[in-house]
Amino acid sequence: MIKFIKGRTKAIFYSVKGAFHLIKTEHSIQAQLFFSVCFIIAGFYFDISKIEWLFQVLAICLVLSTESLNTAVEKLADFIHPNYHKKIGVIKDVSAGAVFFAAVFAIVTALIIYYPKLI
């Protein structure tokens, strides 16, 4: 049991370390965090409902998660093949496409929540 707890503690440490590395080094994550904070502030300002909070948090986490995975795929692809390669380009484009889908979900969610409050 103690070995399990130590293993989970290490895993959490490495996860937090990776998250802070992303925040410090990746402009896309920094931009996404900026917009996330703006929408959190807007949520308090407009006093959105619990259900709206759930969808907003889901959208934020989905975008941050896919952006993080996209960064990992890009770093791995660049490590494996540092020069331009057509197949690596397709892999990177598909990975970026996942971020696009998450961003569209987030934009639609934001419009559903905030458009009625703004008009």
PDB file of N, CA and C in Angstrom:
ATOM      1  N   MET A   1       0.821  -1.199   0.000  1.00  0.00           N
ATOM      2  CA  MET A   1       0.000   0.000   0.000  1.00  0.00           C
ATOM      3  C   MET A   1       0.865   1.263   0.000  1.00  0.00           C
ATOM      4  N   ILE A   2       1.942   1.248   0.789  1.00  0.00           N
ATOM      5  CA  ILE A   2       2.821   2.414   0.862  1.00  0.00           C
ATOM      6  C   ILE A   2       3.511   2.637  -0.486  1.00  0.00           C
ATOM      7  N   LYS A   3       3.887   1.546  -1.163  1.00  0.00           N
ATOM      8  CA  LYS A   3       4.508   1.662  -2.489  1.00  0.00           C
ATOM      9  C   LYS A   3       3.528   2.316  -3.472  1.00  0.00           C
ATOM     10  N   PHE A   4       2.254   1.942  -3.368  1.00  0.00           N
ATOM     11  CA  PHE A   4       1.222   2.525  -4.229  1.00  0.00           C
ATOM     12  C   PHE A   4       1.103   4.028  -3.977  1.00  0.00           C
ATOM     13  N   ILE A   5       1.053   4.434  -2.728  1.00  0.00           N
ATOM     14  CA  ILE A   5       0.917   5.853  -2.370  1.00  0.00           C
ATOM     15  C   ILE A   5       2.135   6.638  -2.842  1.00  0.00           C
ATOM     16  N   LYS A   6       3.332   6.079  -2.651  1.00  0.00           N
ATOM     17  CA  LYS A   6       4.546   6.745  -3.129  1.00  0.00           C
ATOM     18  C   LYS A   6       4.512   6.902  -4.653  1.00  0.00           C
ATOM     19  N   GLY A   7       4.059   5.858  -5.343  1.00  0.00           N
ATOM     20  CA  GLY A   7       3.974   5.917  -6.799  1.00  0.00           C
ATOM     21  C   GLY A   7       2.999   6.981  -7.270  1.00  0.00           C
ATOM     22  N   ARG A   8       1.840   7.063  -6.624  1.00  0.00           N
ATOM     23  CA  ARG A   8       0.843   8.074  -6.983  1.00  0.00           C
ATOM     24  C   ARG A   8       1.356   9.478  -6.665  1.00  0.00           C
ATOM     25  N   THR A   9       2.063   9.629  -5.551  1.00  0.00           N
ATOM     26  CA  THR A   9       2.624  10.924  -5.177  1.00  0.00           C
ATOM     27  C   THR A   9       3.633  11.379  -6.222  1.00  0.00           C
ATOM     28  N   LYS A  10       4.486  10.470  -6.675  1.00  0.00           N
ATOM     29  CA  LYS A  10       5.452  10.801  -7.733  1.00  0.00           C
ATOM     30  C   LYS A  10       4.731  11.191  -9.019  1.00  0.00           C
ATOM     31  N   ALA A  11       3.688  10.451  -9.355  1.00  0.00           N
ATOM     32  CA  ALA A  11       2.940  10.737 -10.587  1.00  0.00           C
ATOM     33  C   ALA A  11       2.319  12.134 -10.521  1.00  0.00           C
ATOM     34  N   ILE A  12       1.761  12.479  -9.379  1.00  0.00           N
ATOM     35  CA  ILE A  12       1.178  13.817  -9.214  1.00  0.00           C
ATOM     36  C   ILE A  12       2.262  14.877  -9.330  1.00  0.00           C
ATOM     37  N   PHE A  13       3.406  14.646  -8.703  1.00  0.00           N
ATOM     38  CA  PHE A  13       4.528  15.587  -8.778  1.00  0.00           C
ATOM     39  C   PHE A  13       4.932  15.832 -10.233  1.00  0.00           C
ATOM     40  N   TYR A  14       5.091  14.744 -11.015  1.00  0.00           N
ATOM     41  CA  TYR A  14       5.494  14.896 -12.411  1.00  0.00           C
ATOM     42  C   TYR A  14       4.410  15.579 -13.238  1.00  0.00           C
ATOM     43  N   SER A  15       3.147  15.322 -12.919  1.00  0.00           N
ATOM     44  CA  SER A  15       2.047  15.988 -13.621  1.00  0.00           C
ATOM     45  C   SER A  15       2.067  17.490 -13.378  1.00  0.00           C
ATOM     46  N   VAL A  16       2.241  17.880 -12.125  1.00  0.00           N
ATOM     47  CA  VAL A  16       2.292  19.306 -11.776  1.00  0.00           C
ATOM     48  C   VAL A  16       3.523  19.948 -12.415  1.00  0.00           C
ATOM     49  N   LYS A  17       4.642  19.231 -12.373  1.00  0.00           N
ATOM     50  CA  LYS A  17       5.870  19.731 -12.995  1.00  0.00           C
ATOM     51  C   LYS A  17       5.654  19.967 -14.492  1.00  0.00           C
ATOM     52  N   GLY A  18       4.999  19.034 -15.166  1.00  0.00           N
ATOM     53  CA  GLY A  18       4.715  19.183 -16.588  1.00  0.00           C
ATOM     54  C   GLY A  18       3.775  20.341 -16.866  1.00  0.00           C
ATOM     55  N   ALA A  19       2.764  20.504 -16.021  1.00  0.00           N
ATOM     56  CA  ALA A  19       1.817  21.612 -16.199  1.00  0.00           C
ATOM     57  C   ALA A  19       2.535  22.954 -16.059  1.00  0.00           C
ATOM     58  N   PHE A  20       3.380  23.088 -15.053  1.00  0.00           N
ATOM     59  CA  PHE A  20       4.114  24.343 -14.876  1.00  0.00           C
ATOM     60  C   PHE A  20       5.105  24.581 -16.018  1.00  0.00           C
ATOM     61  N   HIS A  21       5.692  23.514 -16.537  1.00  0.00           N
ATOM     62  CA  HIS A  21       6.584  23.665 -17.692  1.00  0.00           C
ATOM     63  C   HIS A  21       5.806  24.211 -18.885  1.00  0.00           C
ATOM     64  N   LEU A  22       4.620  23.661 -19.127  1.00  0.00           N
ATOM     65  CA  LEU A  22       3.778  24.168 -20.213  1.00  0.00           C
ATOM     66  C   LEU A  22       3.453  25.645 -20.012  1.00  0.00           C
ATOM     67  N   ILE A  23       3.054  26.006 -18.808  1.00  0.00           N
ATOM     68  CA  ILE A  23       2.666  27.387 -18.516  1.00  0.00           C
ATOM     69  C   ILE A  23       3.842  28.337 -18.718  1.00  0.00           C
ATOM     70  N   LYS A  24       5.034  27.910 -18.323  1.00  0.00           N
ATOM     71  CA  LYS A  24       6.204  28.776 -18.433  1.00  0.00           C
ATOM     72  C   LYS A  24       6.738  28.892 -19.858  1.00  0.00           C
ATOM     73  N   THR A  25       6.565  27.852 -20.675  1.00  0.00           N
ATOM     74  CA  THR A  25       7.281  27.826 -21.955  1.00  0.00           C
ATOM     75  C   THR A  25       6.401  27.897 -23.200  1.00  0.00           C
ATOM     76  N   GLU A  26       5.122  27.603 -23.093  1.00  0.00           N
ATOM     77  CA  GLU A  26       4.281  27.508 -24.287  1.00  0.00           C
ATOM     78  C   GLU A  26       3.323  28.688 -24.399  1.00  0.00           C
ATOM     79  N   HIS A  27       3.510  29.477 -25.448  1.00  0.00           N
ATOM     80  CA  HIS A  27       2.668  30.664 -25.644  1.00  0.00           C
ATOM     81  C   HIS A  27       1.201  30.306 -25.858  1.00  0.00           C
ATOM     82  N   SER A  28       0.946  29.186 -26.514  1.00  0.00           N
ATOM     83  CA  SER A  28      -0.446  28.793 -26.745  1.00  0.00           C
ATOM     84  C   SER A  28      -1.157  28.486 -25.432  1.00  0.00           C
ATOM     85  N   ILE A  29      -0.479  27.830 -24.520  1.00  0.00           N
ATOM     86  CA  ILE A  29      -1.074  27.538 -23.202  1.00  0.00           C
ATOM     87  C   ILE A  29      -1.261  28.843 -22.431  1.00  0.00           C
ATOM     88  N   GLN A  30      -0.285  29.729 -22.507  1.00  0.00           N
ATOM     89  CA  GLN A  30      -0.413  31.022 -21.823  1.00  0.00           C
ATOM     90  C   GLN A  30      -1.617  31.800 -22.343  1.00  0.00           C
ATOM     91  N   ALA A  31      -1.820  31.793 -23.650  1.00  0.00           N
ATOM     92  CA  ALA A  31      -2.968  32.483 -24.241  1.00  0.00           C
ATOM     93  C   ALA A  31      -4.270  31.828 -23.786  1.00  0.00           C
ATOM     94  N   GLN A  32      -4.310  30.503 -23.805  1.00  0.00           N
ATOM     95  CA  GLN A  32      -5.522  29.794 -23.375  1.00  0.00           C
ATOM     96  C   GLN A  32      -5.818  30.071 -21.901  1.00  0.00           C
ATOM     97  N   LEU A  33      -4.790  30.137 -21.076  1.00  0.00           N
ATOM     98  CA  LEU A  33      -4.994  30.450 -19.658  1.00  0.00           C
ATOM     99  C   LEU A  33      -5.506  31.870 -19.468  1.00  0.00           C
ATOM    100  N   PHE A  34      -5.003  32.801 -20.265  1.00  0.00           N
ATOM    101  CA  PHE A  34      -5.478  34.183 -20.195  1.00  0.00           C
ATOM    102  C   PHE A  34      -6.984  34.241 -20.480  1.00  0.00           C
ATOM    103  N   PHE A  35      -7.398  33.592 -21.578  1.00  0.00           N
ATOM    104  CA  PHE A  35      -8.822  33.591 -21.923  1.00  0.00           C
ATOM    105  C   PHE A  35      -9.643  32.837 -20.884  1.00  0.00           C
ATOM    106  N   SER A  36      -9.080  31.779 -20.320  1.00  0.00           N
ATOM    107  CA  SER A  36      -9.779  31.036 -19.274  1.00  0.00           C
ATOM    108  C   SER A  36     -10.066  31.918 -18.066  1.00  0.00           C
ATOM    109  N   VAL A  37      -9.062  32.681 -17.651  1.00  0.00           N
ATOM    110  CA  VAL A  37      -9.243  33.598 -16.514  1.00  0.00           C
ATOM    111  C   VAL A  37     -10.292  34.659 -16.849  1.00  0.00           C
ATOM    112  N   CYS A  38     -10.262  35.163 -18.079  1.00  0.00           N
ATOM    113  CA  CYS A  38     -11.270  36.155 -18.497  1.00  0.00           C
ATOM    114  C   CYS A  38     -12.677  35.581 -18.391  1.00  0.00           C
ATOM    115  N   PHE A  39     -12.861  34.338 -18.830  1.00  0.00           N
ATOM    116  CA  PHE A  39     -14.192  33.731 -18.762  1.00  0.00           C
ATOM    117  C   PHE A  39     -14.587  33.356 -17.341  1.00  0.00           C
ATOM    118  N   ILE A  40     -13.633  33.034 -16.510  1.00  0.00           N
ATOM    119  CA  ILE A  40     -13.946  32.790 -15.096  1.00  0.00           C
ATOM    120  C   ILE A  40     -14.422  34.079 -14.445  1.00  0.00           C
ATOM    121  N   ILE A  41     -13.732  35.176 -14.727  1.00  0.00           N
ATOM    122  CA  ILE A  41     -14.157  36.480 -14.205  1.00  0.00           C
ATOM    123  C   ILE A  41     -15.553  36.825 -14.734  1.00  0.00           C
ATOM    124  N   ALA A  42     -15.770  36.592 -16.035  1.00  0.00           N
ATOM    125  CA  ALA A  42     -17.088  36.859 -16.632  1.00  0.00           C
ATOM    126  C   ALA A  42     -18.162  36.006 -15.969  1.00  0.00           C
ATOM    127  N   GLY A  43     -17.830  34.775 -15.641  1.00  0.00           N
ATOM    128  CA  GLY A  43     -18.791  33.903 -14.975  1.00  0.00           C
ATOM    129  C   GLY A  43     -19.250  34.458 -13.645  1.00  0.00           C
ATOM    130  N   PHE A  44     -18.303  35.010 -12.883  1.00  0.00           N
ATOM    131  CA  PHE A  44     -18.669  35.636 -11.603  1.00  0.00           C
ATOM    132  C   PHE A  44     -19.446  36.932 -11.831  1.00  0.00           C
ATOM    133  N   TYR A  45     -19.014  37.709 -12.822  1.00  0.00           N
ATOM    134  CA  TYR A  45     -19.665  38.987 -13.102  1.00  0.00           C
ATOM    135  C   TYR A  45     -21.123  38.791 -13.514  1.00  0.00           C
ATOM    136  N   PHE A  46     -21.358  37.823 -14.401  1.00  0.00           N
ATOM    137  CA  PHE A  46     -22.715  37.582 -14.897  1.00  0.00           C
ATOM    138  C   PHE A  46     -23.495  36.585 -14.037  1.00  0.00           C
ATOM    139  N   ASP A  47     -22.872  36.105 -12.981  1.00  0.00           N
ATOM    140  CA  ASP A  47     -23.524  35.188 -12.035  1.00  0.00           C
ATOM    141  C   ASP A  47     -24.163  34.003 -12.782  1.00  0.00           C
ATOM    142  N   ILE A  48     -23.338  33.290 -13.536  1.00  0.00           N
ATOM    143  CA  ILE A  48     -23.853  32.176 -14.321  1.00  0.00           C
ATOM    144  C   ILE A  48     -24.278  31.029 -13.401  1.00  0.00           C
ATOM    145  N   SER A  49     -25.167  30.191 -13.906  1.00  0.00           N
ATOM    146  CA  SER A  49     -25.730  29.090 -13.110  1.00  0.00           C
ATOM    147  C   SER A  49     -24.699  27.977 -12.910  1.00  0.00           C
ATOM    148  N   LYS A  50     -25.035  27.032 -12.029  1.00  0.00           N
ATOM    149  CA  LYS A  50     -24.143  25.893 -11.793  1.00  0.00           C
ATOM    150  C   LYS A  50     -23.939  25.065 -13.058  1.00  0.00           C
ATOM    151  N   ILE A  51     -24.991  24.867 -13.809  1.00  0.00           N
ATOM    152  CA  ILE A  51     -24.880  24.105 -15.066  1.00  0.00           C
ATOM    153  C   ILE A  51     -23.993  24.854 -16.054  1.00  0.00           C
ATOM    154  N   GLU A  52     -24.154  26.176 -16.140  1.00  0.00           N
ATOM    155  CA  GLU A  52     -23.299  26.973 -17.027  1.00  0.00           C
ATOM    156  C   GLU A  52     -21.840  26.899 -16.571  1.00  0.00           C
ATOM    157  N   TRP A  53     -21.617  26.915 -15.261  1.00  0.00           N
ATOM    158  CA  TRP A  53     -20.255  26.759 -14.739  1.00  0.00           C
ATOM    159  C   TRP A  53     -19.667  25.410 -15.153  1.00  0.00           C
ATOM    160  N   LEU A  54     -20.492  24.360 -15.057  1.00  0.00           N
ATOM    161  CA  LEU A  54     -20.007  23.029 -15.422  1.00  0.00           C
ATOM    162  C   LEU A  54     -19.569  22.985 -16.886  1.00  0.00           C
ATOM    163  N   PHE A  55     -20.393  23.551 -17.765  1.00  0.00           N
ATOM    164  CA  PHE A  55     -20.029  23.560 -19.183  1.00  0.00           C
ATOM    165  C   PHE A  55     -18.822  24.460 -19.442  1.00  0.00           C
ATOM    166  N   GLN A  56     -18.749  25.573 -18.743  1.00  0.00           N
ATOM    167  CA  GLN A  56     -17.603  26.469 -18.934  1.00  0.00           C
ATOM    168  C   GLN A  56     -16.314  25.806 -18.478  1.00  0.00           C
ATOM    169  N   VAL A  57     -16.344  25.170 -17.315  1.00  0.00           N
ATOM    170  CA  VAL A  57     -15.148  24.480 -16.808  1.00  0.00           C
ATOM    171  C   VAL A  57     -14.783  23.321 -17.738  1.00  0.00           C
ATOM    172  N   LEU A  58     -15.791  22.596 -18.227  1.00  0.00           N
ATOM    173  CA  LEU A  58     -15.529  21.516 -19.177  1.00  0.00           C
ATOM    174  C   LEU A  58     -14.845  22.049 -20.430  1.00  0.00           C
ATOM    175  N   ALA A  59     -15.346  23.153 -20.955  1.00  0.00           N
ATOM    176  CA  ALA A  59     -14.764  23.742 -22.164  1.00  0.00           C
ATOM    177  C   ALA A  59     -13.323  24.183 -21.916  1.00  0.00           C
ATOM    178  N   ILE A  60     -13.090  24.845 -20.790  1.00  0.00           N
ATOM    179  CA  ILE A  60     -11.737  25.301 -20.455  1.00  0.00           C
ATOM    180  C   ILE A  60     -10.786  24.111 -20.331  1.00  0.00           C
ATOM    181  N   CYS A  61     -11.201  23.101 -19.591  1.00  0.00           N
ATOM    182  CA  CYS A  61     -10.336  21.929 -19.392  1.00  0.00           C
ATOM    183  C   CYS A  61     -10.102  21.175 -20.701  1.00  0.00           C
ATOM    184  N   LEU A  62     -11.126  21.100 -21.535  1.00  0.00           N
ATOM    185  CA  LEU A  62     -10.974  20.421 -22.822  1.00  0.00           C
ATOM    186  C   LEU A  62      -9.954  21.137 -23.699  1.00  0.00           C
ATOM    187  N   VAL A  63     -10.037  22.456 -23.760  1.00  0.00           N
ATOM    188  CA  VAL A  63      -9.095  23.219 -24.580  1.00  0.00           C
ATOM    189  C   VAL A  63      -7.674  23.091 -24.021  1.00  0.00           C
ATOM    190  N   LEU A  64      -7.507  23.259 -22.713  1.00  0.00           N
ATOM    191  CA  LEU A  64      -6.172  23.151 -22.114  1.00  0.00           C
ATOM    192  C   LEU A  64      -5.592  21.750 -22.281  1.00  0.00           C
ATOM    193  N   SER A  65      -6.431  20.730 -22.138  1.00  0.00           N
ATOM    194  CA  SER A  65      -5.957  19.350 -22.287  1.00  0.00           C
ATOM    195  C   SER A  65      -5.538  19.053 -23.725  1.00  0.00           C
ATOM    196  N   THR A  66      -6.375  19.428 -24.681  1.00  0.00           N
ATOM    197  CA  THR A  66      -6.015  19.143 -26.071  1.00  0.00           C
ATOM    198  C   THR A  66      -4.810  19.972 -26.513  1.00  0.00           C
ATOM    199  N   GLU A  67      -4.726  21.200 -26.026  1.00  0.00           N
ATOM    200  CA  GLU A  67      -3.559  22.032 -26.354  1.00  0.00           C
ATOM    201  C   GLU A  67      -2.292  21.411 -25.770  1.00  0.00           C
ATOM    202  N   SER A  68      -2.383  20.866 -24.586  1.00  0.00           N
ATOM    203  CA  SER A  68      -1.234  20.206 -23.963  1.00  0.00           C
ATOM    204  C   SER A  68      -0.827  18.959 -24.737  1.00  0.00           C
ATOM    205  N   LEU A  69      -1.804  18.145 -25.113  1.00  0.00           N
ATOM    206  CA  LEU A  69      -1.498  16.946 -25.903  1.00  0.00           C
ATOM    207  C   LEU A  69      -0.946  17.309 -27.274  1.00  0.00           C
ATOM    208  N   ASN A  70      -1.478  18.355 -27.878  1.00  0.00           N
ATOM    209  CA  ASN A  70      -0.963  18.823 -29.159  1.00  0.00           C
ATOM    210  C   ASN A  70       0.505  19.225 -29.031  1.00  0.00           C
ATOM    211  N   THR A  71       0.828  19.931 -27.971  1.00  0.00           N
ATOM    212  CA  THR A  71       2.221  20.330 -27.733  1.00  0.00           C
ATOM    213  C   THR A  71       3.111  19.102 -27.580  1.00  0.00           C
ATOM    214  N   ALA A  72       2.636  18.105 -26.844  1.00  0.00           N
ATOM    215  CA  ALA A  72       3.421  16.877 -26.658  1.00  0.00           C
ATOM    216  C   ALA A  72       3.650  16.166 -27.991  1.00  0.00           C
ATOM    217  N   VAL A  73       2.608  16.075 -28.818  1.00  0.00           N
ATOM    218  CA  VAL A  73       2.742  15.425 -30.124  1.00  0.00           C
ATOM    219  C   VAL A  73       3.732  16.195 -30.991  1.00  0.00           C
ATOM    220  N   GLU A  74       3.636  17.525 -30.995  1.00  0.00           N
ATOM    221  CA  GLU A  74       4.554  18.330 -31.803  1.00  0.00           C
ATOM    222  C   GLU A  74       5.999  18.173 -31.338  1.00  0.00           C
ATOM    223  N   LYS A  75       6.206  18.189 -30.021  1.00  0.00           N
ATOM    224  CA  LYS A  75       7.575  18.025 -29.488  1.00  0.00           C
ATOM    225  C   LYS A  75       8.124  16.648 -29.849  1.00  0.00           C
ATOM    226  N   LEU A  76       7.294  15.616 -29.721  1.00  0.00           N
ATOM    227  CA  LEU A  76       7.726  14.266 -30.059  1.00  0.00           C
ATOM    228  C   LEU A  76       8.033  14.146 -31.547  1.00  0.00           C
ATOM    229  N   ALA A  77       7.182  14.710 -32.379  1.00  0.00           N
ATOM    230  CA  ALA A  77       7.400  14.659 -33.829  1.00  0.00           C
ATOM    231  C   ALA A  77       8.683  15.381 -34.214  1.00  0.00           C
ATOM    232  N   ASP A  78       8.911  16.555 -33.598  1.00  0.00           N
ATOM    233  CA  ASP A  78      10.140  17.306 -33.887  1.00  0.00           C
ATOM    234  C   ASP A  78      11.378  16.550 -33.402  1.00  0.00           C
ATOM    235  N   PHE A  79      11.255  15.823 -32.309  1.00  0.00           N
ATOM    236  CA  PHE A  79      12.370  15.042 -31.785  1.00  0.00           C
ATOM    237  C   PHE A  79      12.693  13.873 -32.719  1.00  0.00           C
ATOM    238  N   ILE A  80      11.649  13.209 -33.191  1.00  0.00           N
ATOM    239  CA  ILE A  80      11.839  12.045 -34.060  1.00  0.00           C
ATOM    240  C   ILE A  80      12.367  12.459 -35.434  1.00  0.00           C
ATOM    241  N   HIS A  81      11.819  13.548 -35.954  1.00  0.00           N
ATOM    242  CA  HIS A  81      12.201  13.981 -37.301  1.00  0.00           C
ATOM    243  C   HIS A  81      12.321  15.508 -37.313  1.00  0.00           C
ATOM    244  N   PRO A  82      13.498  16.051 -36.941  1.00  0.00           N
ATOM    245  CA  PRO A  82      13.669  17.503 -36.815  1.00  0.00           C
ATOM    246  C   PRO A  82      13.469  18.284 -38.120  1.00  0.00           C
ATOM    247  N   ASN A  83      13.764  17.680 -39.251  1.00  0.00           N
ATOM    248  CA  ASN A  83      13.574  18.351 -40.535  1.00  0.00           C
ATOM    249  C   ASN A  83      12.145  18.150 -41.019  1.00  0.00           C
ATOM    250  N   TYR A  84      11.753  18.998 -41.969  1.00  0.00           N
ATOM    251  CA  TYR A  84      10.394  18.875 -42.503  1.00  0.00           C
ATOM    252  C   TYR A  84      10.198  17.513 -43.153  1.00  0.00           C
ATOM    253  N   HIS A  85       9.064  16.907 -42.840  1.00  0.00           N
ATOM    254  CA  HIS A  85       8.672  15.659 -43.476  1.00  0.00           C
ATOM    255  C   HIS A  85       7.163  15.690 -43.650  1.00  0.00           C
ATOM    256  N   LYS A  86       6.698  15.322 -44.822  1.00  0.00           N
ATOM    257  CA  LYS A  86       5.278  15.427 -45.149  1.00  0.00           C
ATOM    258  C   LYS A  86       4.401  14.653 -44.157  1.00  0.00           C
ATOM    259  N   LYS A  87       4.785  13.439 -43.811  1.00  0.00           N
ATOM    260  CA  LYS A  87       3.975  12.625 -42.891  1.00  0.00           C
ATOM    261  C   LYS A  87       3.972  13.219 -41.482  1.00  0.00           C
ATOM    262  N   ILE A  88       5.097  13.760 -41.044  1.00  0.00           N
ATOM    263  CA  ILE A  88       5.152  14.427 -39.734  1.00  0.00           C
ATOM    264  C   ILE A  88       4.246  15.657 -39.764  1.00  0.00           C
ATOM    265  N   GLY A  89       4.242  16.363 -40.883  1.00  0.00           N
ATOM    266  CA  GLY A  89       3.368  17.528 -41.030  1.00  0.00           C
ATOM    267  C   GLY A  89       1.901  17.153 -40.892  1.00  0.00           C
ATOM    268  N   VAL A  90       1.518  16.025 -41.480  1.00  0.00           N
ATOM    269  CA  VAL A  90       0.132  15.565 -41.376  1.00  0.00           C
ATOM    270  C   VAL A  90      -0.201  15.218 -39.922  1.00  0.00           C
ATOM    271  N   ILE A  91       0.714  14.545 -39.246  1.00  0.00           N
ATOM    272  CA  ILE A  91       0.503  14.186 -37.838  1.00  0.00           C
ATOM    273  C   ILE A  91       0.303  15.444 -37.001  1.00  0.00           C
ATOM    274  N   LYS A  92       1.138  16.436 -37.223  1.00  0.00           N
ATOM    275  CA  LYS A  92       1.027  17.688 -36.470  1.00  0.00           C
ATOM    276  C   LYS A  92      -0.273  18.425 -36.799  1.00  0.00           C
ATOM    277  N   ASP A  93      -0.673  18.388 -38.067  1.00  0.00           N
ATOM    278  CA  ASP A  93      -1.930  19.034 -38.462  1.00  0.00           C
ATOM    279  C   ASP A  93      -3.133  18.348 -37.812  1.00  0.00           C
ATOM    280  N   VAL A  94      -3.128  17.033 -37.778  1.00  0.00           N
ATOM    281  CA  VAL A  94      -4.228  16.293 -37.155  1.00  0.00           C
ATOM    282  C   VAL A  94      -4.291  16.604 -35.663  1.00  0.00           C
ATOM    283  N   SER A  95      -3.141  16.669 -35.026  1.00  0.00           N
ATOM    284  CA  SER A  95      -3.086  17.006 -33.605  1.00  0.00           C
ATOM    285  C   SER A  95      -3.630  18.415 -33.362  1.00  0.00           C
ATOM    286  N   ALA A  96      -3.264  19.353 -34.223  1.00  0.00           N
ATOM    287  CA  ALA A  96      -3.785  20.721 -34.118  1.00  0.00           C
ATOM    288  C   ALA A  96      -5.288  20.738 -34.399  1.00  0.00           C
ATOM    289  N   GLY A  97      -5.755  19.835 -35.248  1.00  0.00           N
ATOM    290  CA  GLY A  97      -7.189  19.737 -35.520  1.00  0.00           C
ATOM    291  C   GLY A  97      -7.989  19.394 -34.276  1.00  0.00           C
ATOM    292  N   ALA A  98      -7.419  18.579 -33.403  1.00  0.00           N
ATOM    293  CA  ALA A  98      -8.091  18.255 -32.140  1.00  0.00           C
ATOM    294  C   ALA A  98      -8.285  19.513 -31.299  1.00  0.00           C
ATOM    295  N   VAL A  99      -7.283  20.369 -31.297  1.00  0.00           N
ATOM    296  CA  VAL A  99      -7.397  21.645 -30.572  1.00  0.00           C
ATOM    297  C   VAL A  99      -8.489  22.501 -31.206  1.00  0.00           C
ATOM    298  N   PHE A 100      -8.559  22.494 -32.523  1.00  0.00           N
ATOM    299  CA  PHE A 100      -9.597  23.250 -33.225  1.00  0.00           C
ATOM    300  C   PHE A 100     -10.987  22.796 -32.794  1.00  0.00           C
ATOM    301  N   PHE A 101     -11.214  21.476 -32.731  1.00  0.00           N
ATOM    302  CA  PHE A 101     -12.517  20.963 -32.307  1.00  0.00           C
ATOM    303  C   PHE A 101     -12.844  21.410 -30.876  1.00  0.00           C
ATOM    304  N   ALA A 102     -11.860  21.343 -29.993  1.00  0.00           N
ATOM    305  CA  ALA A 102     -12.068  21.769 -28.608  1.00  0.00           C
ATOM    306  C   ALA A 102     -12.365  23.258 -28.544  1.00  0.00           C
ATOM    307  N   ALA A 103     -11.657  24.045 -29.340  1.00  0.00           N
ATOM    308  CA  ALA A 103     -11.870  25.490 -29.351  1.00  0.00           C
ATOM    309  C   ALA A 103     -13.257  25.843 -29.884  1.00  0.00           C
ATOM    310  N   VAL A 104     -13.712  25.130 -30.903  1.00  0.00           N
ATOM    311  CA  VAL A 104     -15.060  25.367 -31.423  1.00  0.00           C
ATOM    312  C   VAL A 104     -16.090  25.053 -30.349  1.00  0.00           C
ATOM    313  N   PHE A 105     -15.904  23.939 -29.642  1.00  0.00           N
ATOM    314  CA  PHE A 105     -16.805  23.596 -28.535  1.00  0.00           C
ATOM    315  C   PHE A 105     -16.813  24.711 -27.492  1.00  0.00           C
ATOM    316  N   ALA A 106     -15.635  25.231 -27.164  1.00  0.00           N
ATOM    317  CA  ALA A 106     -15.531  26.294 -26.154  1.00  0.00           C
ATOM    318  C   ALA A 106     -16.213  27.575 -26.632  1.00  0.00           C
ATOM    319  N   ILE A 107     -16.028  27.918 -27.889  1.00  0.00           N
ATOM    320  CA  ILE A 107     -16.653  29.136 -28.431  1.00  0.00           C
ATOM    321  C   ILE A 107     -18.175  29.003 -28.433  1.00  0.00           C
ATOM    322  N   VAL A 108     -18.672  27.859 -28.882  1.00  0.00           N
ATOM    323  CA  VAL A 108     -20.122  27.637 -28.893  1.00  0.00           C
ATOM    324  C   VAL A 108     -20.663  27.679 -27.467  1.00  0.00           C
ATOM    325  N   THR A 109     -19.961  27.059 -26.545  1.00  0.00           N
ATOM    326  CA  THR A 109     -20.372  27.079 -25.135  1.00  0.00           C
ATOM    327  C   THR A 109     -20.425  28.505 -24.617  1.00  0.00           C
ATOM    328  N   ALA A 110     -19.395  29.284 -24.910  1.00  0.00           N
ATOM    329  CA  ALA A 110     -19.362  30.682 -24.458  1.00  0.00           C
ATOM    330  C   ALA A 110     -20.504  31.484 -25.064  1.00  0.00           C
ATOM    331  N   LEU A 111     -20.783  31.255 -26.336  1.00  0.00           N
ATOM    332  CA  LEU A 111     -21.887  31.976 -26.985  1.00  0.00           C
ATOM    333  C   LEU A 111     -23.230  31.615 -26.350  1.00  0.00           C
ATOM    334  N   ILE A 112     -23.428  30.342 -26.080  1.00  0.00           N
ATOM    335  CA  ILE A 112     -24.686  29.911 -25.463  1.00  0.00           C
ATOM    336  C   ILE A 112     -24.847  30.531 -24.075  1.00  0.00           C
ATOM    337  N   ILE A 113     -23.755  30.605 -23.326  1.00  0.00           N
ATOM    338  CA  ILE A 113     -23.823  31.145 -21.961  1.00  0.00           C
ATOM    339  C   ILE A 113     -23.936  32.667 -21.967  1.00  0.00           C
ATOM    340  N   TYR A 114     -23.089  33.335 -22.750  1.00  0.00           N
ATOM    341  CA  TYR A 114     -22.946  34.792 -22.589  1.00  0.00           C
ATOM    342  C   TYR A 114     -23.740  35.644 -23.580  1.00  0.00           C
ATOM    343  N   TYR A 115     -24.063  35.119 -24.735  1.00  0.00           N
ATOM    344  CA  TYR A 115     -24.806  35.941 -25.703  1.00  0.00           C
ATOM    345  C   TYR A 115     -26.128  36.453 -25.129  1.00  0.00           C
ATOM    346  N   PRO A 116     -26.938  35.611 -24.489  1.00  0.00           N
ATOM    347  CA  PRO A 116     -28.189  36.135 -23.920  1.00  0.00           C
ATOM    348  C   PRO A 116     -27.971  37.179 -22.825  1.00  0.00           C
ATOM    349  N   LYS A 117     -26.864  37.093 -22.138  1.00  0.00           N
ATOM    350  CA  LYS A 117     -26.576  38.036 -21.058  1.00  0.00           C
ATOM    351  C   LYS A 117     -26.075  39.388 -21.594  1.00  0.00           C
ATOM    352  N   LEU A 118     -25.547  39.370 -22.808  1.00  0.00           N
ATOM    353  CA  LEU A 118     -25.001  40.598 -23.391  1.00  0.00           C
ATOM    354  C   LEU A 118     -26.028  41.390 -24.196  1.00  0.00           C
ATOM    355  N   ILE A 119     -27.103  40.707 -24.616  1.00  0.00           N
ATOM    356  CA  ILE A 119     -28.116  41.448 -25.394  1.00  0.00           C
ATOM    357  C   ILE A 119     -29.318  41.807 -24.539  1.00  0.00           C
TER     358      ILE A 119
END
